[in-house]
Amino acid sequence: MYNKKIIIVIPCFKVKNKILSVISKIPEWIFKVICIDDACPEKSGDFIKDNNKDERVLTLYNSKNLGVGGASMVGFKHARKLGADIIIKIDGDDQMDLKLLNKFIEPIILNQADFAKGNRFTKFKDYLDMPITRKIGNISLSFFNRFS
């Protein structure tokens, strides 16, 4: 669809029951999918290797838990080694609508933006259901993204 190497990075920690659903929704025009088992107690990396049928998927393993940011960085570095033109980070919990990927990629392709960030909390109920530690992290990261 796009004449670019687009790679998706998915940090995996306690998403074993949803990750295959996420992978199944990734559009065909995505070049590669990098799943990072972030020392997951559910062994999500092994689960992906044993059950995934998509040949684009690569599974990496962190020997210790680095958190979503650290696992994402591992995936970003590997995507760059693979020659990625665009890297997309998504979560493995199946809360993101992958039908919207075009809306994030097009401003980058058209040189209107260097990066794009989505907000999956368009409904107040989504925010209320979030654990307090994630709320704090989300607010902090959102602030730094806006500041940059």
Protein backbone atom coordinates (compact mmCIF):
# COMPACT_ATOMS: atom_id res chain seq x y z
CA MET A 1 0.00 0.00 0.00
CA TYR A 2 2.78 2.41 0.97
CA ASN A 3 6.17 2.27 -0.67
CA LYS A 4 7.87 2.18 2.73
CA LYS A 5 9.15 -0.46 5.15
CA ILE A 6 6.64 -0.10 7.97
CA ILE A 7 7.34 -2.16 11.08
CA ILE A 8 5.07 -2.62 14.08
CA VAL A 9 6.58 -3.05 17.55
CA ILE A 10 4.51 -4.74 20.27
CA PRO A 11 5.82 -4.95 23.85
CA CYS A 12 4.33 -8.10 25.40
CA PHE A 13 3.71 -8.45 29.11
CA LYS A 14 0.66 -10.33 30.38
CA VAL A 15 -1.15 -10.14 27.03
CA LYS A 16 -1.11 -13.86 26.22
CA ASN A 17 -4.90 -14.05 25.94
CA LYS A 18 -5.10 -11.13 23.46
CA ILE A 19 -1.87 -10.99 21.44
CA LEU A 20 -2.90 -13.40 18.68
CA SER A 21 -6.04 -11.34 18.10
CA VAL A 22 -3.90 -8.21 17.79
CA ILE A 23 -1.51 -9.88 15.34
CA SER A 24 -4.43 -11.16 13.24
CA LYS A 25 -5.66 -7.57 12.73
CA ILE A 26 -2.37 -6.21 11.39
CA PRO A 27 -2.81 -5.18 7.75
CA GLU A 28 -0.99 -7.06 5.00
CA TRP A 29 0.95 -3.95 3.94
CA ILE A 30 2.95 -3.97 7.18
CA PHE A 31 6.48 -5.26 6.44
CA LYS A 32 7.32 -6.85 9.83
CA VAL A 33 5.89 -7.21 13.33
CA ILE A 34 8.29 -7.34 16.27
CA CYS A 35 6.89 -8.76 19.51
CA ILE A 36 9.05 -8.29 22.59
CA ASP A 37 8.48 -10.70 25.46
CA ASP A 38 9.38 -8.39 28.33
CA ALA A 39 10.29 -11.20 30.76
CA CYS A 40 6.59 -12.02 30.77
CA PRO A 41 5.51 -14.50 33.49
CA GLU A 42 2.98 -15.91 30.97
CA LYS A 43 5.84 -16.61 28.52
CA SER A 44 4.06 -14.64 25.81
CA GLY A 45 7.03 -14.95 23.45
CA ASP A 46 6.89 -18.75 23.51
CA PHE A 47 3.11 -18.60 23.13
CA ILE A 48 3.47 -16.40 20.05
CA LYS A 49 6.12 -18.67 18.52
CA ASP A 50 3.98 -21.77 19.14
CA ASN A 51 0.64 -20.36 17.97
CA ASN A 52 1.23 -17.55 15.50
CA LYS A 53 0.94 -18.30 11.77
CA ASP A 54 1.98 -14.87 10.43
CA GLU A 55 5.47 -15.15 8.92
CA ARG A 56 6.09 -11.41 9.34
CA VAL A 57 6.24 -11.80 13.13
CA LEU A 58 9.61 -11.81 14.91
CA THR A 59 9.80 -12.55 18.62
CA LEU A 60 12.48 -11.02 20.83
CA TYR A 61 13.05 -11.77 24.51
CA ASN A 62 14.17 -9.46 27.31
CA SER A 63 16.06 -11.33 30.05
CA LYS A 64 14.60 -8.94 32.62
CA ASN A 65 11.50 -6.78 32.62
CA LEU A 66 12.26 -3.34 31.21
CA GLY A 67 8.71 -2.03 31.27
CA VAL A 68 6.76 -0.90 28.25
CA GLY A 69 9.22 1.90 27.44
CA GLY A 70 12.29 -0.32 27.66
CA ALA A 71 10.67 -3.12 25.69
CA SER A 72 9.57 -0.61 23.05
CA MET A 73 13.14 0.70 22.74
CA VAL A 74 14.42 -2.86 22.18
CA GLY A 75 11.85 -3.23 19.41
CA PHE A 76 12.67 0.18 17.88
CA LYS A 77 16.38 -0.65 17.73
CA HIS A 78 15.67 -3.96 16.02
CA ALA A 79 13.26 -2.30 13.58
CA ARG A 80 15.98 0.17 12.61
CA LYS A 81 18.39 -2.72 12.01
CA LEU A 82 15.78 -4.17 9.63
CA GLY A 83 15.71 -0.87 7.72
CA ALA A 84 12.37 0.47 8.91
CA ASP A 85 11.20 3.70 7.30
CA ILE A 86 8.33 4.02 9.77
CA ILE A 87 7.97 2.33 13.16
CA ILE A 88 4.60 1.97 14.81
CA LYS A 89 4.30 0.96 18.47
CA ILE A 90 1.06 -0.67 19.49
CA ASP A 91 -0.02 -2.42 22.66
CA GLY A 92 -0.72 -6.12 22.87
CA ASP A 93 -3.94 -5.72 24.87
CA ASP A 94 -6.20 -5.30 21.80
CA GLN A 95 -7.49 -1.88 22.84
CA MET A 96 -6.24 -0.08 19.73
CA ASP A 97 -8.25 0.00 16.51
CA LEU A 98 -5.76 -0.98 13.82
CA LYS A 99 -8.16 0.20 11.12
CA LEU A 100 -6.94 3.70 12.03
CA LEU A 101 -3.28 3.07 11.17
CA ASN A 102 -3.60 5.06 7.92
CA LYS A 103 -4.52 8.18 9.88
CA PHE A 104 -1.21 7.97 11.72
CA ILE A 105 0.97 7.00 8.78
CA GLU A 106 -0.26 9.47 6.16
CA PRO A 107 0.94 12.66 7.90
CA ILE A 108 4.39 11.07 8.18
CA ILE A 109 4.41 9.90 4.55
CA LEU A 110 3.31 13.37 3.41
CA ASN A 111 6.07 15.03 5.52
CA GLN A 112 3.45 16.84 7.59
CA ALA A 113 4.69 15.25 10.83
CA ASP A 114 7.74 13.47 12.20
CA PHE A 115 5.65 11.31 14.52
CA ALA A 116 2.02 10.71 15.40
CA LYS A 117 0.46 9.60 18.68
CA GLY A 118 -3.01 8.27 19.21
CA ASN A 119 -5.29 8.49 22.21
CA ARG A 120 -7.32 5.40 22.99
CA PHE A 121 -9.19 7.17 25.77
CA THR A 122 -11.84 8.92 23.75
CA LYS A 123 -14.52 7.85 26.21
CA PHE A 124 -14.37 8.88 29.87
CA LYS A 125 -15.26 5.31 30.90
CA ASP A 126 -11.99 4.08 29.37
CA TYR A 127 -10.08 6.46 31.63
CA LEU A 128 -12.03 5.43 34.74
CA ASP A 129 -11.25 1.73 34.14
CA MET A 130 -7.48 2.38 33.97
CA PRO A 131 -5.29 1.43 36.98
CA ILE A 132 -3.97 4.42 38.96
CA THR A 133 -0.30 3.76 38.09
CA ARG A 134 -1.15 3.77 34.38
CA LYS A 135 -3.13 7.01 34.80
CA ILE A 136 -0.09 8.69 36.34
CA GLY A 137 2.23 7.37 33.65
CA ASN A 138 -0.20 8.30 30.88
CA ILE A 139 -0.61 11.85 32.16
CA SER A 140 3.17 12.27 32.50
CA LEU A 141 3.97 10.87 29.06
CA SER A 142 1.20 12.89 27.44
CA PHE A 143 2.61 16.04 29.01
CA PHE A 144 6.13 15.33 27.71
CA ASN A 145 4.81 14.48 24.24
CA ARG A 146 2.91 17.75 24.07
CA PHE A 147 5.90 19.65 25.41
CA SER A 148 8.22 18.17 22.78
